[in-house]
């Protein structure tokens, strides 16, 4: 089974979510969201997924 996911909020706790998604068989991270442009840019660069800014 495959599933897609997005992480909303790229603060400190997001590392736990990224790690958990990486361990899930068939899970694909498709987007990250954050209201802080710097955190969002860092997550996009680290994960190679599209950004979805929160306004």
PDB file of N, CA and C in Angstrom:
ATOM      1  N   UNK A   1       0.846  -1.164   0.000  1.00  0.00           N
ATOM      2  CA  UNK A   1       0.000   0.000   0.000  1.00  0.00           C
ATOM      3  C   UNK A   1       0.899   1.238   0.000  1.00  0.00           C
ATOM      4  N   UNK A   2       0.532   2.236  -0.778  1.00  0.00           N
ATOM      5  CA  UNK A   2       1.288   3.479  -0.784  1.00  0.00           C
ATOM      6  C   UNK A   2       0.403   4.614  -0.277  1.00  0.00           C
ATOM      7  N   UNK A   3       1.065   5.600   0.281  1.00  0.00           N
ATOM      8  CA  UNK A   3       0.340   6.756   0.796  1.00  0.00           C
ATOM      9  C   UNK A   3       1.193   7.996   0.605  1.00  0.00           C
ATOM     10  N   UNK A   4       0.550   9.124   0.476  1.00  0.00           N
ATOM     11  CA  UNK A   4       1.263  10.387   0.379  1.00  0.00           C
ATOM     12  C   UNK A   4       0.981  11.200   1.631  1.00  0.00           C
ATOM     13  N   UNK A   5       1.940  12.057   1.984  1.00  0.00           N
ATOM     14  CA  UNK A   5       1.789  12.856   3.199  1.00  0.00           C
ATOM     15  C   UNK A   5       2.442  14.215   3.014  1.00  0.00           C
ATOM     16  N   UNK A   6       1.979  15.163   3.793  1.00  0.00           N
ATOM     17  CA  UNK A   6       2.599  16.480   3.874  1.00  0.00           C
ATOM     18  C   UNK A   6       2.852  16.772   5.350  1.00  0.00           C
ATOM     19  N   UNK A   7       3.917  17.486   5.629  1.00  0.00           N
ATOM     20  CA  UNK A   7       4.202  17.905   6.994  1.00  0.00           C
ATOM     21  C   UNK A   7       3.847  19.381   7.099  1.00  0.00           C
ATOM     22  N   UNK A   8       2.957  19.678   8.015  1.00  0.00           N
ATOM     23  CA  UNK A   8       2.513  21.054   8.231  1.00  0.00           C
ATOM     24  C   UNK A   8       3.177  21.557   9.501  1.00  0.00           C
ATOM     25  N   UNK A   9       4.066  22.502   9.318  1.00  0.00           N
ATOM     26  CA  UNK A   9       4.865  23.024  10.422  1.00  0.00           C
ATOM     27  C   UNK A   9       6.239  22.388  10.392  1.00  0.00           C
ATOM     28  N   UNK A  10       7.265  23.182  10.180  1.00  0.00           N
ATOM     29  CA  UNK A  10       8.630  22.661  10.019  1.00  0.00           C
ATOM     30  C   UNK A  10       9.530  23.063  11.175  1.00  0.00           C
ATOM     31  N   UNK A  11       8.954  23.167  12.359  1.00  0.00           N
ATOM     32  CA  UNK A  11       9.732  23.472  13.561  1.00  0.00           C
ATOM     33  C   UNK A  11      10.465  22.242  14.068  1.00  0.00           C
ATOM     34  N   UNK A  12      10.885  22.291  15.310  1.00  0.00           N
ATOM     35  CA  UNK A  12      11.706  21.223  15.897  1.00  0.00           C
ATOM     36  C   UNK A  12      11.051  19.850  15.833  1.00  0.00           C
ATOM     37  N   UNK A  13       9.766  19.776  16.102  1.00  0.00           N
ATOM     38  CA  UNK A  13       9.078  18.478  16.140  1.00  0.00           C
ATOM     39  C   UNK A  13       8.951  17.851  14.754  1.00  0.00           C
ATOM     40  N   UNK A  14       9.036  18.653  13.712  1.00  0.00           N
ATOM     41  CA  UNK A  14       8.892  18.112  12.359  1.00  0.00           C
ATOM     42  C   UNK A  14       9.948  17.055  12.048  1.00  0.00           C
ATOM     43  N   UNK A  15      11.111  17.144  12.679  1.00  0.00           N
ATOM     44  CA  UNK A  15      12.157  16.135  12.451  1.00  0.00           C
ATOM     45  C   UNK A  15      11.652  14.738  12.804  1.00  0.00           C
ATOM     46  N   UNK A  16      10.846  14.646  13.843  1.00  0.00           N
ATOM     47  CA  UNK A  16      10.272  13.360  14.247  1.00  0.00           C
ATOM     48  C   UNK A  16       9.328  12.853  13.162  1.00  0.00           C
ATOM     49  N   UNK A  17       8.538  13.741  12.594  1.00  0.00           N
ATOM     50  CA  UNK A  17       7.596  13.351  11.551  1.00  0.00           C
ATOM     51  C   UNK A  17       8.326  12.945  10.269  1.00  0.00           C
ATOM     52  N   UNK A  18       9.359  13.702   9.897  1.00  0.00           N
ATOM     53  CA  UNK A  18      10.140  13.346   8.706  1.00  0.00           C
ATOM     54  C   UNK A  18      10.779  11.973   8.877  1.00  0.00           C
ATOM     55  N   UNK A  19      11.323  11.713  10.039  1.00  0.00           N
ATOM     56  CA  UNK A  19      11.958  10.424  10.311  1.00  0.00           C
ATOM     57  C   UNK A  19      10.942   9.280  10.256  1.00  0.00           C
ATOM     58  N   UNK A  20       9.779   9.502  10.848  1.00  0.00           N
ATOM     59  CA  UNK A  20       8.742   8.466  10.843  1.00  0.00           C
ATOM     60  C   UNK A  20       8.265   8.176   9.425  1.00  0.00           C
ATOM     61  N   UNK A  21       8.075   9.217   8.622  1.00  0.00           N
ATOM     62  CA  UNK A  21       7.650   9.016   7.235  1.00  0.00           C
ATOM     63  C   UNK A  21       8.700   8.249   6.439  1.00  0.00           C
ATOM     64  N   UNK A  22       9.962   8.546   6.692  1.00  0.00           N
ATOM     65  CA  UNK A  22      11.044   7.860   5.980  1.00  0.00           C
ATOM     66  C   UNK A  22      11.059   6.367   6.291  1.00  0.00           C
ATOM     67  N   UNK A  23      10.609   5.996   7.468  1.00  0.00           N
ATOM     68  CA  UNK A  23      10.600   4.588   7.883  1.00  0.00           C
ATOM     69  C   UNK A  23       9.362   3.830   7.429  1.00  0.00           C
ATOM     70  N   UNK A  24       8.327   4.550   7.015  1.00  0.00           N
ATOM     71  CA  UNK A  24       7.084   3.892   6.604  1.00  0.00           C
ATOM     72  C   UNK A  24       7.211   3.364   5.183  1.00  0.00           C
ATOM     73  N   UNK A  25       7.017   2.089   5.043  1.00  0.00           N
ATOM     74  CA  UNK A  25       7.072   1.461   3.730  1.00  0.00           C
ATOM     75  C   UNK A  25       5.942   1.997   2.851  1.00  0.00           C
ATOM     76  N   UNK A  26       6.286   2.546   1.704  1.00  0.00           N
ATOM     77  CA  UNK A  26       5.283   3.036   0.775  1.00  0.00           C
ATOM     78  C   UNK A  26       4.821   4.455   1.009  1.00  0.00           C
ATOM     79  N   UNK A  27       5.391   5.138   2.003  1.00  0.00           N
ATOM     80  CA  UNK A  27       4.996   6.524   2.275  1.00  0.00           C
ATOM     81  C   UNK A  27       5.852   7.481   1.455  1.00  0.00           C
ATOM     82  N   UNK A  28       5.223   8.499   0.892  1.00  0.00           N
ATOM     83  CA  UNK A  28       5.922   9.505   0.106  1.00  0.00           C
ATOM     84  C   UNK A  28       5.565  10.887   0.622  1.00  0.00           C
ATOM     85  N   UNK A  29       6.593  11.644   0.974  1.00  0.00           N
ATOM     86  CA  UNK A  29       6.399  13.030   1.384  1.00  0.00           C
ATOM     87  C   UNK A  29       6.218  13.857   0.122  1.00  0.00           C
ATOM     88  N   UNK A  30       5.103  14.583   0.031  1.00  0.00           N
ATOM     89  CA  UNK A  30       4.808  15.328  -1.196  1.00  0.00           C
ATOM     90  C   UNK A  30       4.845  16.840  -1.023  1.00  0.00           C
ATOM     91  N   UNK A  31       4.841  17.341   0.211  1.00  0.00           N
ATOM     92  CA  UNK A  31       4.879  18.786   0.428  1.00  0.00           C
ATOM     93  C   UNK A  31       5.186  19.086   1.884  1.00  0.00           C
ATOM     94  N   UNK A  32       5.698  20.287   2.099  1.00  0.00           N
ATOM     95  CA  UNK A  32       5.901  20.793   3.447  1.00  0.00           C
ATOM     96  C   UNK A  32       5.295  22.193   3.521  1.00  0.00           C
ATOM     97  N   UNK A  33       4.805  22.553   4.702  1.00  0.00           N
ATOM     98  CA  UNK A  33       4.174  23.865   4.909  1.00  0.00           C
ATOM     99  C   UNK A  33       4.733  24.489   6.172  1.00  0.00           C
ATOM    100  N   UNK A  34       4.873  25.810   6.159  1.00  0.00           N
ATOM    101  CA  UNK A  34       5.248  26.536   7.361  1.00  0.00           C
ATOM    102  C   UNK A  34       4.982  28.011   7.143  1.00  0.00           C
ATOM    103  N   UNK A  35       4.679  28.715   8.211  1.00  0.00           N
ATOM    104  CA  UNK A  35       4.438  30.158   8.110  1.00  0.00           C
ATOM    105  C   UNK A  35       5.737  30.958   8.149  1.00  0.00           C
ATOM    106  N   UNK A  36       6.830  30.317   8.564  1.00  0.00           N
ATOM    107  CA  UNK A  36       8.138  30.973   8.611  1.00  0.00           C
ATOM    108  C   UNK A  36       8.890  30.664   7.311  1.00  0.00           C
ATOM    109  N   UNK A  37       9.140  31.659   6.469  1.00  0.00           N
ATOM    110  CA  UNK A  37       9.787  31.415   5.169  1.00  0.00           C
ATOM    111  C   UNK A  37      11.153  30.744   5.264  1.00  0.00           C
ATOM    112  N   UNK A  38      11.925  31.058   6.297  1.00  0.00           N
ATOM    113  CA  UNK A  38      13.248  30.447   6.439  1.00  0.00           C
ATOM    114  C   UNK A  38      13.151  28.971   6.789  1.00  0.00           C
ATOM    115  N   UNK A  39      12.261  28.620   7.708  1.00  0.00           N
ATOM    116  CA  UNK A  39      12.079  27.196   8.045  1.00  0.00           C
ATOM    117  C   UNK A  39      11.542  26.430   6.851  1.00  0.00           C
ATOM    118  N   UNK A  40      10.624  27.052   6.135  1.00  0.00           N
ATOM    119  CA  UNK A  40      10.052  26.406   4.953  1.00  0.00           C
ATOM    120  C   UNK A  40      11.133  26.153   3.906  1.00  0.00           C
ATOM    121  N   UNK A  41      11.959  27.156   3.632  1.00  0.00           N
ATOM    122  CA  UNK A  41      13.027  27.005   2.641  1.00  0.00           C
ATOM    123  C   UNK A  41      14.018  25.923   3.053  1.00  0.00           C
ATOM    124  N   UNK A  42      14.337  25.847   4.333  1.00  0.00           N
ATOM    125  CA  UNK A  42      15.258  24.823   4.816  1.00  0.00           C
ATOM    126  C   UNK A  42      14.676  23.423   4.639  1.00  0.00           C
ATOM    127  N   UNK A  43      13.396  23.266   4.932  1.00  0.00           N
ATOM    128  CA  UNK A  43      12.753  21.960   4.776  1.00  0.00           C
ATOM    129  C   UNK A  43      12.671  21.556   3.309  1.00  0.00           C
ATOM    130  N   UNK A  44      12.358  22.501   2.447  1.00  0.00           N
ATOM    131  CA  UNK A  44      12.294  22.219   1.003  1.00  0.00           C
ATOM    132  C   UNK A  44      13.667  21.774   0.504  1.00  0.00           C
ATOM    133  N   UNK A  45      14.711  22.491   0.911  1.00  0.00           N
ATOM    134  CA  UNK A  45      16.069  22.156   0.479  1.00  0.00           C
ATOM    135  C   UNK A  45      16.504  20.785   0.999  1.00  0.00           C
ATOM    136  N   UNK A  46      16.159  20.475   2.237  1.00  0.00           N
ATOM    137  CA  UNK A  46      16.573  19.213   2.846  1.00  0.00           C
ATOM    138  C   UNK A  46      15.790  18.019   2.315  1.00  0.00           C
ATOM    139  N   UNK A  47      14.517  18.238   1.981  1.00  0.00           N
ATOM    140  CA  UNK A  47      13.645  17.118   1.612  1.00  0.00           C
ATOM    141  C   UNK A  47      13.365  17.013   0.126  1.00  0.00           C
ATOM    142  N   UNK A  48      13.639  18.077  -0.614  1.00  0.00           N
ATOM    143  CA  UNK A  48      13.415  18.037  -2.068  1.00  0.00           C
ATOM    144  C   UNK A  48      11.974  17.897  -2.467  1.00  0.00           C
ATOM    145  N   UNK A  49      11.096  18.520  -1.707  1.00  0.00           N
ATOM    146  CA  UNK A  49       9.660  18.476  -2.020  1.00  0.00           C
ATOM    147  C   UNK A  49       9.137  19.894  -2.185  1.00  0.00           C
ATOM    148  N   UNK A  50       7.993  20.068  -2.815  1.00  0.00           N
ATOM    149  CA  UNK A  50       7.445  21.412  -2.988  1.00  0.00           C
ATOM    150  C   UNK A  50       7.039  22.071  -1.672  1.00  0.00           C
ATOM    151  N   UNK A  51       7.119  23.397  -1.695  1.00  0.00           N
ATOM    152  CA  UNK A  51       6.680  24.186  -0.551  1.00  0.00           C
ATOM    153  C   UNK A  51       5.233  24.593  -0.731  1.00  0.00           C
ATOM    154  N   UNK A  52       4.557  24.680   0.390  1.00  0.00           N
ATOM    155  CA  UNK A  52       3.193  25.206   0.398  1.00  0.00           C
ATOM    156  C   UNK A  52       3.129  26.196   1.546  1.00  0.00           C
ATOM    157  N   UNK A  53       3.405  27.489   1.262  1.00  0.00           N
ATOM    158  CA  UNK A  53       3.428  28.459   2.352  1.00  0.00           C
ATOM    159  C   UNK A  53       2.054  28.637   2.997  1.00  0.00           C
ATOM    160  N   UNK A  54       2.063  28.896   4.280  1.00  0.00           N
ATOM    161  CA  UNK A  54       0.843  29.183   5.026  1.00  0.00           C
ATOM    162  C   UNK A  54       0.746  30.700   5.125  1.00  0.00           C
ATOM    163  N   UNK A  55      -0.368  31.246   4.736  1.00  0.00           N
ATOM    164  CA  UNK A  55      -0.520  32.696   4.800  1.00  0.00           C
ATOM    165  C   UNK A  55      -1.583  33.072   5.796  1.00  0.00           C
TER     166      UNK A  55
END
